[in-house]
Amino acid sequence: MKNRFAPFGAILSVVAFLAWIFSSIQTDPSALELERSPPESASASSDDVPIFRERTTGSAIPCAAPLSWRIARVDEGFDLSYAEASVEFGKAARLWEEAVGVPLFLNDPDGELSVRLVYDDRQERTRQIRRLEVEHNEAGAVLQGRGVELDEMSRRNEGMRRQYRDDLREFDRRVTSLNDSIRDWNAKGGASPAVRARLGTSGTLLDTEREELATRGGGIDELQRQLVDEAERLEQDVEAHRREAEALLAAFPTRRLESGTYREAIHVQVGAETWVTREIRISRFDGRADLVRVSAHELGHALGLNHNRVPGGIMRVEFSQAPPSDGAPIIQPGDIEVLRLLCPEL
């Protein structure tokens, strides 16, 4: 039976429809949260005018290192404790420090950089899509298993058919040999009673074997028909699986979903910058490794970096969120080059 399932892997690969959910940048209009009091020298003055800005182009006061940070908020929807969030954010900070070779960040309960994990429909959408992907992959794995089993049954049936044909040829040879023996004895005027009995026994055995071969051949033909029917059903199910993937794509059209933002509020007193409130908000990530990558991106903004076009760089507008398969750092040399141009002292 011809293998009809060779392209099955390609059909199932349609679940890559999730690839687009890992791109980013769209403005989140919610206000900057201020939880810390200004310095005493600034708080008493009525001339203190905070200017709130989203800083996707990098901090207005760059190169502030070491920059102290703290986990100020972790919404329950993320299923992440404050301690766990701190560990993952610390990993992001170390990525920059290991790449640059100097201390850049400090985890401090009173840190000036507040980190907030704010749960909203973006994370809910990510979870929903991930759940659908898992279900779709599980259904695809079942279909793939059916295809593998069907191929194996087809190979076994073809082997049985080849053996049946060989046995049938051997049977025909023995029938021909018996008929030749009977003709020879008839040409000689007849066989003795003992020979006739032996020839009759051989004929009876061959008749029995013929019936067995016929039953066996019928079973092989019936199995072949069942395999063909199952192959058709499987192809229909694979096509339904493909249409389901298309329906998922239609239900979740491509959208840019912001993963995180860096914000700061610059407080000005008598025309001079006096203090800065810094904040990183993270609203969407797909697993802890992704949380580290999103955090590293926003930390780059906190250092003063704009978005760039460094190939594979962490500061691209839509940076790669796939974990590096070769263990390579996600902070690219080009990212560090841009940082050193901005902050030569680092």
C-alpha atoms as a PDB file:
ATOM      1  CA  MET A   1       0.000   0.000   0.000  1.00  0.00           C
ATOM      2  CA  LYS A   2       1.388   3.409  -0.905  1.00  0.00           C
ATOM      3  CA  ASN A   3       2.457   5.605   2.012  1.00  0.00           C
ATOM      4  CA  ARG A   4      -0.047   8.433   1.952  1.00  0.00           C
ATOM      5  CA  PHE A   5       1.205  10.201   5.070  1.00  0.00           C
ATOM      6  CA  ALA A   6       4.693  11.437   4.176  1.00  0.00           C
ATOM      7  CA  PRO A   7       3.598  15.113   4.180  1.00  0.00           C
ATOM      8  CA  PHE A   8       1.829  14.737   7.524  1.00  0.00           C
ATOM      9  CA  GLY A   9       4.453  16.666   9.452  1.00  0.00           C
ATOM     10  CA  ALA A  10       4.112  19.590   7.086  1.00  0.00           C
ATOM     11  CA  ILE A  11       0.338  19.566   7.512  1.00  0.00           C
ATOM     12  CA  LEU A  12       0.624  19.615  11.286  1.00  0.00           C
ATOM     13  CA  SER A  13       3.166  22.443  11.243  1.00  0.00           C
ATOM     14  CA  VAL A  14       0.286  24.857  10.762  1.00  0.00           C
ATOM     15  CA  VAL A  15       0.264  25.261  14.539  1.00  0.00           C
ATOM     16  CA  ALA A  16       3.086  27.723  14.023  1.00  0.00           C
ATOM     17  CA  PHE A  17       0.215  30.239  13.905  1.00  0.00           C
ATOM     18  CA  LEU A  18       1.395  31.220  17.391  1.00  0.00           C
ATOM     19  CA  ALA A  19       4.623  32.711  16.106  1.00  0.00           C
ATOM     20  CA  TRP A  20       3.034  36.143  15.691  1.00  0.00           C
ATOM     21  CA  ILE A  21       1.976  36.521  19.315  1.00  0.00           C
ATOM     22  CA  PHE A  22       5.588  37.221  20.267  1.00  0.00           C
ATOM     23  CA  SER A  23       5.883  40.663  18.730  1.00  0.00           C
ATOM     24  CA  SER A  24       5.452  43.887  20.494  1.00  0.00           C
ATOM     25  CA  ILE A  25       4.950  47.513  20.786  1.00  0.00           C
ATOM     26  CA  GLN A  26       1.653  49.261  21.339  1.00  0.00           C
ATOM     27  CA  THR A  27       0.930  52.047  23.771  1.00  0.00           C
ATOM     28  CA  ASP A  28      -0.634  51.180  27.110  1.00  0.00           C
ATOM     29  CA  PRO A  29      -2.605  54.262  28.185  1.00  0.00           C
ATOM     30  CA  SER A  30      -2.736  53.498  31.914  1.00  0.00           C
ATOM     31  CA  ALA A  31      -1.102  55.996  34.224  1.00  0.00           C
ATOM     32  CA  LEU A  32       2.294  55.755  35.830  1.00  0.00           C
ATOM     33  CA  GLU A  33       1.968  54.538  39.408  1.00  0.00           C
ATOM     34  CA  LEU A  34       3.736  56.689  41.975  1.00  0.00           C
ATOM     35  CA  GLU A  35       4.318  54.859  45.236  1.00  0.00           C
ATOM     36  CA  ARG A  36       7.445  56.641  46.472  1.00  0.00           C
ATOM     37  CA  SER A  37       7.630  60.096  47.991  1.00  0.00           C
ATOM     38  CA  PRO A  38       9.876  62.719  46.413  1.00  0.00           C
ATOM     39  CA  PRO A  39      13.009  63.862  48.201  1.00  0.00           C
ATOM     40  CA  GLU A  40      12.313  66.238  51.083  1.00  0.00           C
ATOM     41  CA  SER A  41      13.990  69.064  49.212  1.00  0.00           C
ATOM     42  CA  ALA A  42      11.516  68.719  46.368  1.00  0.00           C
ATOM     43  CA  SER A  43       8.288  67.667  48.073  1.00  0.00           C
ATOM     44  CA  ALA A  44       7.801  70.926  49.891  1.00  0.00           C
ATOM     45  CA  SER A  45       7.885  73.080  46.802  1.00  0.00           C
ATOM     46  CA  SER A  46       4.842  74.006  44.763  1.00  0.00           C
ATOM     47  CA  ASP A  47       7.112  74.475  41.762  1.00  0.00           C
ATOM     48  CA  ASP A  48       7.612  70.708  41.437  1.00  0.00           C
ATOM     49  CA  VAL A  49       5.999  69.826  38.090  1.00  0.00           C
ATOM     50  CA  PRO A  50       6.078  66.116  37.135  1.00  0.00           C
ATOM     51  CA  ILE A  51       6.257  65.439  33.417  1.00  0.00           C
ATOM     52  CA  PHE A  52       5.005  61.909  32.687  1.00  0.00           C
ATOM     53  CA  ARG A  53       6.488  60.204  29.680  1.00  0.00           C
ATOM     54  CA  GLU A  54       6.473  56.783  28.121  1.00  0.00           C
ATOM     55  CA  ARG A  55      10.100  56.175  27.241  1.00  0.00           C
ATOM     56  CA  THR A  56      10.150  53.535  24.526  1.00  0.00           C
ATOM     57  CA  THR A  57      12.965  55.635  23.097  1.00  0.00           C
ATOM     58  CA  GLY A  58      15.053  55.211  26.233  1.00  0.00           C
ATOM     59  CA  SER A  59      15.427  57.113  29.470  1.00  0.00           C
ATOM     60  CA  ALA A  60      15.786  60.877  29.300  1.00  0.00           C
ATOM     61  CA  ILE A  61      18.449  60.469  31.998  1.00  0.00           C
ATOM     62  CA  PRO A  62      20.563  57.606  30.614  1.00  0.00           C
ATOM     63  CA  CYS A  63      23.548  55.714  31.981  1.00  0.00           C
ATOM     64  CA  ALA A  64      22.264  55.807  35.581  1.00  0.00           C
ATOM     65  CA  ALA A  65      24.257  52.860  36.889  1.00  0.00           C
ATOM     66  CA  PRO A  66      24.069  51.093  39.160  1.00  0.00           C
ATOM     67  CA  LEU A  67      20.307  51.479  38.887  1.00  0.00           C
ATOM     68  CA  SER A  68      18.427  50.078  41.895  1.00  0.00           C
ATOM     69  CA  TRP A  69      15.223  48.151  41.224  1.00  0.00           C
ATOM     70  CA  ARG A  70      12.445  46.498  43.177  1.00  0.00           C
ATOM     71  CA  ILE A  71       9.439  44.315  42.435  1.00  0.00           C
ATOM     72  CA  ALA A  72       6.533  46.594  43.358  1.00  0.00           C
ATOM     73  CA  ARG A  73       3.592  44.611  42.013  1.00  0.00           C
ATOM     74  CA  VAL A  74       2.820  41.085  40.830  1.00  0.00           C
ATOM     75  CA  ASP A  75      -0.805  40.427  39.943  1.00  0.00           C
ATOM     76  CA  GLU A  76      -2.218  37.043  40.952  1.00  0.00           C
ATOM     77  CA  GLY A  77      -3.111  36.104  37.393  1.00  0.00           C
ATOM     78  CA  PHE A  78       0.539  35.452  36.567  1.00  0.00           C
ATOM     79  CA  ASP A  79       0.796  32.621  39.138  1.00  0.00           C
ATOM     80  CA  LEU A  80       4.125  34.081  40.196  1.00  0.00           C
ATOM     81  CA  SER A  81       5.263  35.105  43.674  1.00  0.00           C
ATOM     82  CA  TYR A  82       7.170  38.303  44.365  1.00  0.00           C
ATOM     83  CA  ALA A  83      10.257  36.227  45.139  1.00  0.00           C
ATOM     84  CA  GLU A  84       9.961  34.297  41.873  1.00  0.00           C
ATOM     85  CA  ALA A  85       9.449  37.499  39.891  1.00  0.00           C
ATOM     86  CA  SER A  86      12.537  38.954  41.568  1.00  0.00           C
ATOM     87  CA  VAL A  87      14.613  35.932  40.589  1.00  0.00           C
ATOM     88  CA  GLU A  88      13.600  36.151  36.922  1.00  0.00           C
ATOM     89  CA  PHE A  89      14.092  39.921  36.765  1.00  0.00           C
ATOM     90  CA  GLY A  90      17.505  39.458  38.381  1.00  0.00           C
ATOM     91  CA  LYS A  91      18.426  37.086  35.565  1.00  0.00           C
ATOM     92  CA  ALA A  92      17.583  39.824  33.046  1.00  0.00           C
ATOM     93  CA  ALA A  93      19.775  42.306  34.922  1.00  0.00           C
ATOM     94  CA  ARG A  94      22.690  39.837  34.966  1.00  0.00           C
ATOM     95  CA  LEU A  95      22.411  39.353  31.208  1.00  0.00           C
ATOM     96  CA  TRP A  96      23.336  43.008  30.736  1.00  0.00           C
ATOM     97  CA  GLU A  97      25.998  42.959  33.438  1.00  0.00           C
ATOM     98  CA  GLU A  98      27.686  39.845  32.065  1.00  0.00           C
ATOM     99  CA  ALA A  99      27.639  41.330  28.569  1.00  0.00           C
ATOM    100  CA  VAL A 100      29.048  44.701  29.664  1.00  0.00           C
ATOM    101  CA  GLY A 101      31.331  43.386  32.374  1.00  0.00           C
ATOM    102  CA  VAL A 102      30.430  45.944  35.072  1.00  0.00           C
ATOM    103  CA  PRO A 103      27.662  46.221  37.704  1.00  0.00           C
ATOM    104  CA  LEU A 104      24.643  47.980  36.243  1.00  0.00           C
ATOM    105  CA  PHE A 105      21.735  47.128  38.544  1.00  0.00           C
ATOM    106  CA  LEU A 106      21.038  46.596  42.225  1.00  0.00           C
ATOM    107  CA  ASN A 107      18.092  44.795  43.778  1.00  0.00           C
ATOM    108  CA  ASP A 108      16.970  47.105  46.578  1.00  0.00           C
ATOM    109  CA  PRO A 109      13.649  47.078  48.517  1.00  0.00           C
ATOM    110  CA  ASP A 110      13.661  50.881  48.181  1.00  0.00           C
ATOM    111  CA  GLY A 111      14.924  50.866  44.586  1.00  0.00           C
ATOM    112  CA  GLU A 112      14.105  53.814  42.368  1.00  0.00           C
ATOM    113  CA  LEU A 113      13.055  51.571  39.460  1.00  0.00           C
ATOM    114  CA  SER A 114       9.676  49.994  40.254  1.00  0.00           C
ATOM    115  CA  VAL A 115       8.856  46.784  38.390  1.00  0.00           C
ATOM    116  CA  ARG A 116       5.189  45.925  38.062  1.00  0.00           C
ATOM    117  CA  LEU A 117       3.666  42.811  36.530  1.00  0.00           C
ATOM    118  CA  VAL A 118       0.182  43.972  35.549  1.00  0.00           C
ATOM    119  CA  TYR A 119      -2.246  41.269  34.427  1.00  0.00           C
ATOM    120  CA  ASP A 120      -4.744  42.231  31.727  1.00  0.00           C
ATOM    121  CA  ASP A 121      -6.356  40.903  28.561  1.00  0.00           C
ATOM    122  CA  ARG A 122      -2.988  40.647  26.804  1.00  0.00           C
ATOM    123  CA  GLN A 123      -1.751  37.943  29.153  1.00  0.00           C
ATOM    124  CA  GLU A 124      -5.170  36.319  29.136  1.00  0.00           C
ATOM    125  CA  ARG A 125      -5.048  36.252  25.332  1.00  0.00           C
ATOM    126  CA  THR A 126      -1.580  34.728  25.425  1.00  0.00           C
ATOM    127  CA  ARG A 127      -2.756  32.017  27.805  1.00  0.00           C
ATOM    128  CA  GLN A 128      -5.848  31.323  25.739  1.00  0.00           C
ATOM    129  CA  ILE A 129      -3.820  30.963  22.560  1.00  0.00           C
ATOM    130  CA  ARG A 130      -1.262  28.779  24.316  1.00  0.00           C
ATOM    131  CA  ARG A 131      -4.046  26.524  25.620  1.00  0.00           C
ATOM    132  CA  LEU A 132      -5.537  26.221  22.139  1.00  0.00           C
ATOM    133  CA  GLU A 133      -2.089  25.491  20.732  1.00  0.00           C
ATOM    134  CA  VAL A 134      -1.582  22.676  23.245  1.00  0.00           C
ATOM    135  CA  GLU A 135      -4.980  21.189  22.424  1.00  0.00           C
ATOM    136  CA  HIS A 136      -4.311  21.532  18.698  1.00  0.00           C
ATOM    137  CA  ASN A 137      -0.899  19.906  19.052  1.00  0.00           C
ATOM    138  CA  GLU A 138      -2.336  17.053  21.098  1.00  0.00           C
ATOM    139  CA  ALA A 139      -4.980  16.410  18.447  1.00  0.00           C
ATOM    140  CA  GLY A 140      -2.269  16.570  15.784  1.00  0.00           C
ATOM    141  CA  ALA A 141      -0.147  14.074  17.722  1.00  0.00           C
ATOM    142  CA  VAL A 142      -3.084  11.668  17.809  1.00  0.00           C
ATOM    143  CA  LEU A 143      -3.516  12.018  14.057  1.00  0.00           C
ATOM    144  CA  GLN A 144       0.186  11.535  13.521  1.00  0.00           C
ATOM    145  CA  GLY A 145       0.099   8.403  15.682  1.00  0.00           C
ATOM    146  CA  ARG A 146      -2.771   7.058  13.599  1.00  0.00           C
ATOM    147  CA  GLY A 147      -0.776   7.734  10.451  1.00  0.00           C
ATOM    148  CA  VAL A 148       2.283   5.908  11.807  1.00  0.00           C
ATOM    149  CA  GLU A 149       0.151   2.950  12.885  1.00  0.00           C
ATOM    150  CA  LEU A 150      -1.588   2.853   9.517  1.00  0.00           C
ATOM    151  CA  ASP A 151       1.731   2.875   7.678  1.00  0.00           C
ATOM    152  CA  GLU A 152       3.000   0.021   9.856  1.00  0.00           C
ATOM    153  CA  MET A 153      -0.162  -2.017   9.267  1.00  0.00           C
ATOM    154  CA  SER A 154       0.145  -1.341   5.552  1.00  0.00           C
ATOM    155  CA  ARG A 155       3.746  -2.590   5.529  1.00  0.00           C
ATOM    156  CA  ARG A 156       2.767  -5.735   7.445  1.00  0.00           C
ATOM    157  CA  ASN A 157      -0.134  -6.380   5.096  1.00  0.00           C
ATOM    158  CA  GLU A 158       2.130  -5.976   2.080  1.00  0.00           C
ATOM    159  CA  GLY A 159       4.580  -8.441   3.646  1.00  0.00           C
ATOM    160  CA  MET A 160       1.775 -10.929   4.220  1.00  0.00           C
ATOM    161  CA  ARG A 161       0.666 -10.478   0.614  1.00  0.00           C
ATOM    162  CA  ARG A 162       4.177 -11.170  -0.691  1.00  0.00           C
ATOM    163  CA  GLN A 163       4.418 -14.303   1.474  1.00  0.00           C
ATOM    164  CA  TYR A 164       0.965 -15.381   0.292  1.00  0.00           C
ATOM    165  CA  ARG A 165       2.014 -15.055  -3.333  1.00  0.00           C
ATOM    166  CA  ASP A 166       5.149 -17.103  -2.678  1.00  0.00           C
ATOM    167  CA  ASP A 167       3.105 -19.781  -0.897  1.00  0.00           C
ATOM    168  CA  LEU A 168       0.574 -19.790  -3.729  1.00  0.00           C
ATOM    169  CA  ARG A 169       3.326 -20.329  -6.305  1.00  0.00           C
ATOM    170  CA  GLU A 170       4.716 -23.187  -4.205  1.00  0.00           C
ATOM    171  CA  PHE A 171       1.209 -24.683  -3.952  1.00  0.00           C
ATOM    172  CA  ASP A 172       0.726 -24.507  -7.721  1.00  0.00           C
ATOM    173  CA  ARG A 173       4.093 -26.202  -8.190  1.00  0.00           C
ATOM    174  CA  ARG A 174       3.034 -29.136  -5.972  1.00  0.00           C
ATOM    175  CA  VAL A 175      -0.355 -29.405  -7.691  1.00  0.00           C
ATOM    176  CA  THR A 176       1.423 -29.544 -11.054  1.00  0.00           C
ATOM    177  CA  SER A 177       3.826 -32.169  -9.696  1.00  0.00           C
ATOM    178  CA  LEU A 178       0.913 -34.335  -8.453  1.00  0.00           C
ATOM    179  CA  ASN A 179      -0.930 -34.039 -11.768  1.00  0.00           C
ATOM    180  CA  ASP A 180       2.268 -34.996 -13.641  1.00  0.00           C
ATOM    181  CA  SER A 181       2.651 -38.069 -11.422  1.00  0.00           C
ATOM    182  CA  ILE A 182      -0.963 -39.131 -12.073  1.00  0.00           C
ATOM    183  CA  ARG A 183      -0.488 -38.734 -15.844  1.00  0.00           C
ATOM    184  CA  ASP A 184       2.701 -40.776 -15.728  1.00  0.00           C
ATOM    185  CA  TRP A 185       1.031 -43.627 -13.871  1.00  0.00           C
ATOM    186  CA  ASN A 186      -1.932 -43.559 -16.233  1.00  0.00           C
ATOM    187  CA  ALA A 187       0.434 -43.693 -19.196  1.00  0.00           C
ATOM    188  CA  LYS A 188       1.978 -46.813 -17.658  1.00  0.00           C
ATOM    189  CA  GLY A 189      -1.381 -48.534 -17.413  1.00  0.00           C
ATOM    190  CA  GLY A 190      -2.287 -47.547 -13.871  1.00  0.00           C
ATOM    191  CA  ALA A 191      -0.745 -47.432 -10.425  1.00  0.00           C
ATOM    192  CA  SER A 192      -0.767 -50.024  -7.677  1.00  0.00           C
ATOM    193  CA  PRO A 193      -3.309 -49.699  -4.866  1.00  0.00           C
ATOM    194  CA  ALA A 194      -0.629 -48.362  -2.508  1.00  0.00           C
ATOM    195  CA  VAL A 195       0.469 -45.690  -5.001  1.00  0.00           C
ATOM    196  CA  ARG A 196      -3.116 -44.737  -5.694  1.00  0.00           C
ATOM    197  CA  ALA A 197      -3.747 -44.357  -1.977  1.00  0.00           C
ATOM    198  CA  ARG A 198      -0.648 -42.169  -1.606  1.00  0.00           C
ATOM    199  CA  LEU A 199      -1.661 -40.001  -4.577  1.00  0.00           C
ATOM    200  CA  GLY A 200      -5.191 -39.682  -3.205  1.00  0.00           C
ATOM    201  CA  THR A 201      -3.893 -38.595   0.198  1.00  0.00           C
ATOM    202  CA  SER A 202      -1.684 -35.959  -1.475  1.00  0.00           C
ATOM    203  CA  GLY A 203      -4.672 -34.693  -3.442  1.00  0.00           C
ATOM    204  CA  THR A 204      -6.812 -34.445  -0.294  1.00  0.00           C
ATOM    205  CA  LEU A 205      -4.096 -32.497   1.523  1.00  0.00           C
ATOM    206  CA  LEU A 206      -3.744 -30.137  -1.421  1.00  0.00           C
ATOM    207  CA  ASP A 207      -7.500 -29.542  -1.484  1.00  0.00           C
ATOM    208  CA  THR A 208      -7.401 -28.651   2.200  1.00  0.00           C
ATOM    209  CA  GLU A 209      -4.434 -26.343   1.626  1.00  0.00           C
ATOM    210  CA  ARG A 210      -6.246 -24.701  -1.285  1.00  0.00           C
ATOM    211  CA  GLU A 211      -9.162 -23.813   0.994  1.00  0.00           C
ATOM    212  CA  GLU A 212      -6.775 -22.460   3.623  1.00  0.00           C
ATOM    213  CA  LEU A 213      -4.988 -20.354   1.006  1.00  0.00           C
ATOM    214  CA  ALA A 214      -8.295 -19.012  -0.277  1.00  0.00           C
ATOM    215  CA  THR A 215      -9.356 -18.016   3.261  1.00  0.00           C
ATOM    216  CA  ARG A 216      -5.966 -16.472   3.898  1.00  0.00           C
ATOM    217  CA  GLY A 217      -6.068 -14.494   0.643  1.00  0.00           C
ATOM    218  CA  GLY A 218      -9.572 -13.263   1.419  1.00  0.00           C
ATOM    219  CA  GLY A 219      -8.391 -12.028   4.819  1.00  0.00           C
ATOM    220  CA  ILE A 220      -5.491 -10.156   3.240  1.00  0.00           C
ATOM    221  CA  ASP A 221      -7.840  -8.556   0.698  1.00  0.00           C
ATOM    222  CA  GLU A 222     -10.290  -7.584   3.453  1.00  0.00           C
ATOM    223  CA  LEU A 223      -7.507  -6.013   5.534  1.00  0.00           C
ATOM    224  CA  GLN A 224      -6.386  -4.099   2.446  1.00  0.00           C
ATOM    225  CA  ARG A 225      -9.891  -2.688   2.017  1.00  0.00           C
ATOM    226  CA  GLN A 226      -9.991  -1.719   5.712  1.00  0.00           C
ATOM    227  CA  LEU A 227      -6.644   0.041   5.412  1.00  0.00           C
ATOM    228  CA  VAL A 228      -7.842   1.985   2.391  1.00  0.00           C
ATOM    229  CA  ASP A 229     -10.998   3.029   4.274  1.00  0.00           C
ATOM    230  CA  GLU A 230      -8.959   4.040   7.336  1.00  0.00           C
ATOM    231  CA  ALA A 231      -6.568   6.012   5.140  1.00  0.00           C
ATOM    232  CA  GLU A 232      -9.489   7.932   3.679  1.00  0.00           C
ATOM    233  CA  ARG A 233     -10.916   8.636   7.153  1.00  0.00           C
ATOM    234  CA  LEU A 234      -7.513   9.802   8.359  1.00  0.00           C
ATOM    235  CA  GLU A 235      -7.113  12.133   5.395  1.00  0.00           C
ATOM    236  CA  GLN A 236     -10.527  13.601   6.184  1.00  0.00           C
ATOM    237  CA  ASP A 237      -9.535  14.086   9.837  1.00  0.00           C
ATOM    238  CA  VAL A 238      -6.226  15.691   8.830  1.00  0.00           C
ATOM    239  CA  GLU A 239      -8.109  18.069   6.551  1.00  0.00           C
ATOM    240  CA  ALA A 240     -10.518  18.889   9.404  1.00  0.00           C
ATOM    241  CA  HIS A 241      -7.479  19.521  11.625  1.00  0.00           C
ATOM    242  CA  ARG A 242      -6.078  21.905   9.014  1.00  0.00           C
ATOM    243  CA  ARG A 243      -9.402  23.743   8.778  1.00  0.00           C
ATOM    244  CA  GLU A 244      -9.458  24.018  12.568  1.00  0.00           C
ATOM    245  CA  ALA A 245      -6.077  25.737  12.448  1.00  0.00           C
ATOM    246  CA  GLU A 246      -7.423  28.164   9.849  1.00  0.00           C
ATOM    247  CA  ALA A 247     -10.409  28.845  12.116  1.00  0.00           C
ATOM    248  CA  LEU A 248      -8.037  29.605  14.992  1.00  0.00           C
ATOM    249  CA  LEU A 249      -6.138  32.021  12.804  1.00  0.00           C
ATOM    250  CA  ALA A 250      -9.412  33.716  11.908  1.00  0.00           C
ATOM    251  CA  ALA A 251     -10.490  33.845  15.557  1.00  0.00           C
ATOM    252  CA  PHE A 252      -7.139  35.305  16.645  1.00  0.00           C
ATOM    253  CA  PRO A 253      -6.040  37.631  13.851  1.00  0.00           C
ATOM    254  CA  THR A 254      -2.521  38.971  13.867  1.00  0.00           C
ATOM    255  CA  ARG A 255      -2.124  41.798  16.346  1.00  0.00           C
ATOM    256  CA  ARG A 256       0.773  43.576  17.919  1.00  0.00           C
ATOM    257  CA  LEU A 257       0.596  43.006  21.629  1.00  0.00           C
ATOM    258  CA  GLU A 258       2.791  45.010  23.925  1.00  0.00           C
ATOM    259  CA  SER A 259       4.782  42.876  26.356  1.00  0.00           C
ATOM    260  CA  GLY A 260       6.201  45.644  28.509  1.00  0.00           C
ATOM    261  CA  THR A 261       6.946  49.350  28.771  1.00  0.00           C
ATOM    262  CA  TYR A 262       9.518  51.559  30.419  1.00  0.00           C
ATOM    263  CA  ARG A 263       8.182  54.808  31.861  1.00  0.00           C
ATOM    264  CA  GLU A 264       9.556  57.658  33.846  1.00  0.00           C
ATOM    265  CA  ALA A 265       8.277  60.845  35.413  1.00  0.00           C
ATOM    266  CA  ILE A 266      10.791  63.672  35.581  1.00  0.00           C
ATOM    267  CA  HIS A 267      10.071  66.117  38.401  1.00  0.00           C
ATOM    268  CA  VAL A 268      11.266  69.654  37.788  1.00  0.00           C
ATOM    269  CA  GLN A 269      11.751  72.295  40.494  1.00  0.00           C
ATOM    270  CA  VAL A 270      12.608  75.889  39.608  1.00  0.00           C
ATOM    271  CA  GLY A 271      13.583  74.832  36.093  1.00  0.00           C
ATOM    272  CA  ALA A 272      16.023  72.128  37.217  1.00  0.00           C
ATOM    273  CA  GLU A 273      15.631  68.347  37.155  1.00  0.00           C
ATOM    274  CA  THR A 274      15.435  67.196  40.736  1.00  0.00           C
ATOM    275  CA  TRP A 275      14.340  63.556  40.788  1.00  0.00           C
ATOM    276  CA  VAL A 276      12.971  60.839  38.528  1.00  0.00           C
ATOM    277  CA  THR A 277      10.360  58.163  39.075  1.00  0.00           C
ATOM    278  CA  ARG A 278      11.148  55.114  36.944  1.00  0.00           C
ATOM    279  CA  GLU A 279       8.885  52.200  36.204  1.00  0.00           C
ATOM    280  CA  ILE A 280       8.860  49.023  34.148  1.00  0.00           C
ATOM    281  CA  ARG A 281       5.491  47.466  33.475  1.00  0.00           C
ATOM    282  CA  ILE A 282       5.260  43.942  32.140  1.00  0.00           C
ATOM    283  CA  SER A 283       1.857  42.801  30.963  1.00  0.00           C
ATOM    284  CA  ARG A 284       2.529  39.717  28.855  1.00  0.00           C
ATOM    285  CA  PHE A 285       5.034  36.882  28.685  1.00  0.00           C
ATOM    286  CA  ASP A 286       4.902  33.260  27.642  1.00  0.00           C
ATOM    287  CA  GLY A 287       6.776  31.430  30.365  1.00  0.00           C
ATOM    288  CA  ARG A 288       9.614  32.474  32.618  1.00  0.00           C
ATOM    289  CA  ALA A 289      12.300  32.506  29.934  1.00  0.00           C
ATOM    290  CA  ASP A 290      10.145  34.964  28.030  1.00  0.00           C
ATOM    291  CA  LEU A 291       9.737  37.069  31.182  1.00  0.00           C
ATOM    292  CA  VAL A 292      13.538  37.335  31.356  1.00  0.00           C
ATOM    293  CA  ARG A 293      13.747  38.485  27.735  1.00  0.00           C
ATOM    294  CA  VAL A 294      10.964  41.063  28.107  1.00  0.00           C
ATOM    295  CA  SER A 295      12.605  42.357  31.294  1.00  0.00           C
ATOM    296  CA  ALA A 296      15.993  42.628  29.586  1.00  0.00           C
ATOM    297  CA  HIS A 297      14.416  44.666  26.781  1.00  0.00           C
ATOM    298  CA  GLU A 298      12.854  47.142  29.204  1.00  0.00           C
ATOM    299  CA  LEU A 299      16.059  47.360  31.252  1.00  0.00           C
ATOM    300  CA  GLY A 300      17.774  48.467  28.050  1.00  0.00           C
ATOM    301  CA  HIS A 301      15.343  51.381  27.884  1.00  0.00           C
ATOM    302  CA  ALA A 302      16.047  52.172  31.542  1.00  0.00           C
ATOM    303  CA  LEU A 303      19.744  52.422  30.661  1.00  0.00           C
ATOM    304  CA  GLY A 304      18.825  54.914  27.943  1.00  0.00           C
ATOM    305  CA  LEU A 305      18.760  52.711  24.840  1.00  0.00           C
ATOM    306  CA  ASN A 306      16.333  53.362  22.015  1.00  0.00           C
ATOM    307  CA  HIS A 307      14.966  50.685  19.760  1.00  0.00           C
ATOM    308  CA  ASN A 308      17.543  49.633  17.180  1.00  0.00           C
ATOM    309  CA  ARG A 309      17.945  47.336  14.201  1.00  0.00           C
ATOM    310  CA  VAL A 310      20.743  45.152  15.550  1.00  0.00           C
ATOM    311  CA  PRO A 311      20.170  41.680  13.989  1.00  0.00           C
ATOM    312  CA  GLY A 312      18.771  39.475  16.725  1.00  0.00           C
ATOM    313  CA  GLY A 313      19.248  42.317  19.199  1.00  0.00           C
ATOM    314  CA  ILE A 314      17.290  42.611  22.410  1.00  0.00           C
ATOM    315  CA  MET A 315      16.421  46.251  21.640  1.00  0.00           C
ATOM    316  CA  ARG A 316      14.640  45.649  18.363  1.00  0.00           C
ATOM    317  CA  VAL A 317      11.035  46.872  18.299  1.00  0.00           C
ATOM    318  CA  GLU A 318       9.884  43.311  17.734  1.00  0.00           C
ATOM    319  CA  PHE A 319      12.692  41.341  19.266  1.00  0.00           C
ATOM    320  CA  SER A 320      13.035  37.592  18.971  1.00  0.00           C
ATOM    321  CA  GLN A 321      11.458  35.833  21.922  1.00  0.00           C
ATOM    322  CA  ALA A 322      12.445  32.312  20.921  1.00  0.00           C
ATOM    323  CA  PRO A 323      14.952  30.864  23.370  1.00  0.00           C
ATOM    324  CA  PRO A 324      18.386  30.577  21.748  1.00  0.00           C
ATOM    325  CA  SER A 325      18.889  26.955  20.742  1.00  0.00           C
ATOM    326  CA  ASP A 326      22.667  27.219  20.826  1.00  0.00           C
ATOM    327  CA  GLY A 327      22.850  28.794  24.267  1.00  0.00           C
ATOM    328  CA  ALA A 328      24.051  32.116  22.818  1.00  0.00           C
ATOM    329  CA  PRO A 329      23.374  35.226  24.958  1.00  0.00           C
ATOM    330  CA  ILE A 330      20.384  37.281  23.910  1.00  0.00           C
ATOM    331  CA  ILE A 331      22.309  40.521  24.510  1.00  0.00           C
ATOM    332  CA  GLN A 332      24.039  40.868  21.146  1.00  0.00           C
ATOM    333  CA  PRO A 333      27.413  42.577  20.604  1.00  0.00           C
ATOM    334  CA  GLY A 334      25.561  45.212  18.583  1.00  0.00           C
ATOM    335  CA  ASP A 335      23.425  46.035  21.631  1.00  0.00           C
ATOM    336  CA  ILE A 336      26.560  46.534  23.725  1.00  0.00           C
ATOM    337  CA  GLU A 337      28.169  48.677  21.016  1.00  0.00           C
ATOM    338  CA  VAL A 338      25.146  50.996  21.041  1.00  0.00           C
ATOM    339  CA  LEU A 339      25.237  51.148  24.850  1.00  0.00           C
ATOM    340  CA  ARG A 340      28.946  52.018  24.941  1.00  0.00           C
ATOM    341  CA  LEU A 341      28.403  54.790  22.390  1.00  0.00           C
ATOM    342  CA  LEU A 342      25.703  56.213  24.661  1.00  0.00           C
ATOM    343  CA  CYS A 343      27.576  55.581  27.907  1.00  0.00           C
ATOM    344  CA  PRO A 344      31.354  55.554  27.224  1.00  0.00           C
ATOM    345  CA  GLU A 345      32.111  55.338  30.939  1.00  0.00           C
ATOM    346  CA  LEU A 346      30.480  51.904  31.257  1.00  0.00           C
END
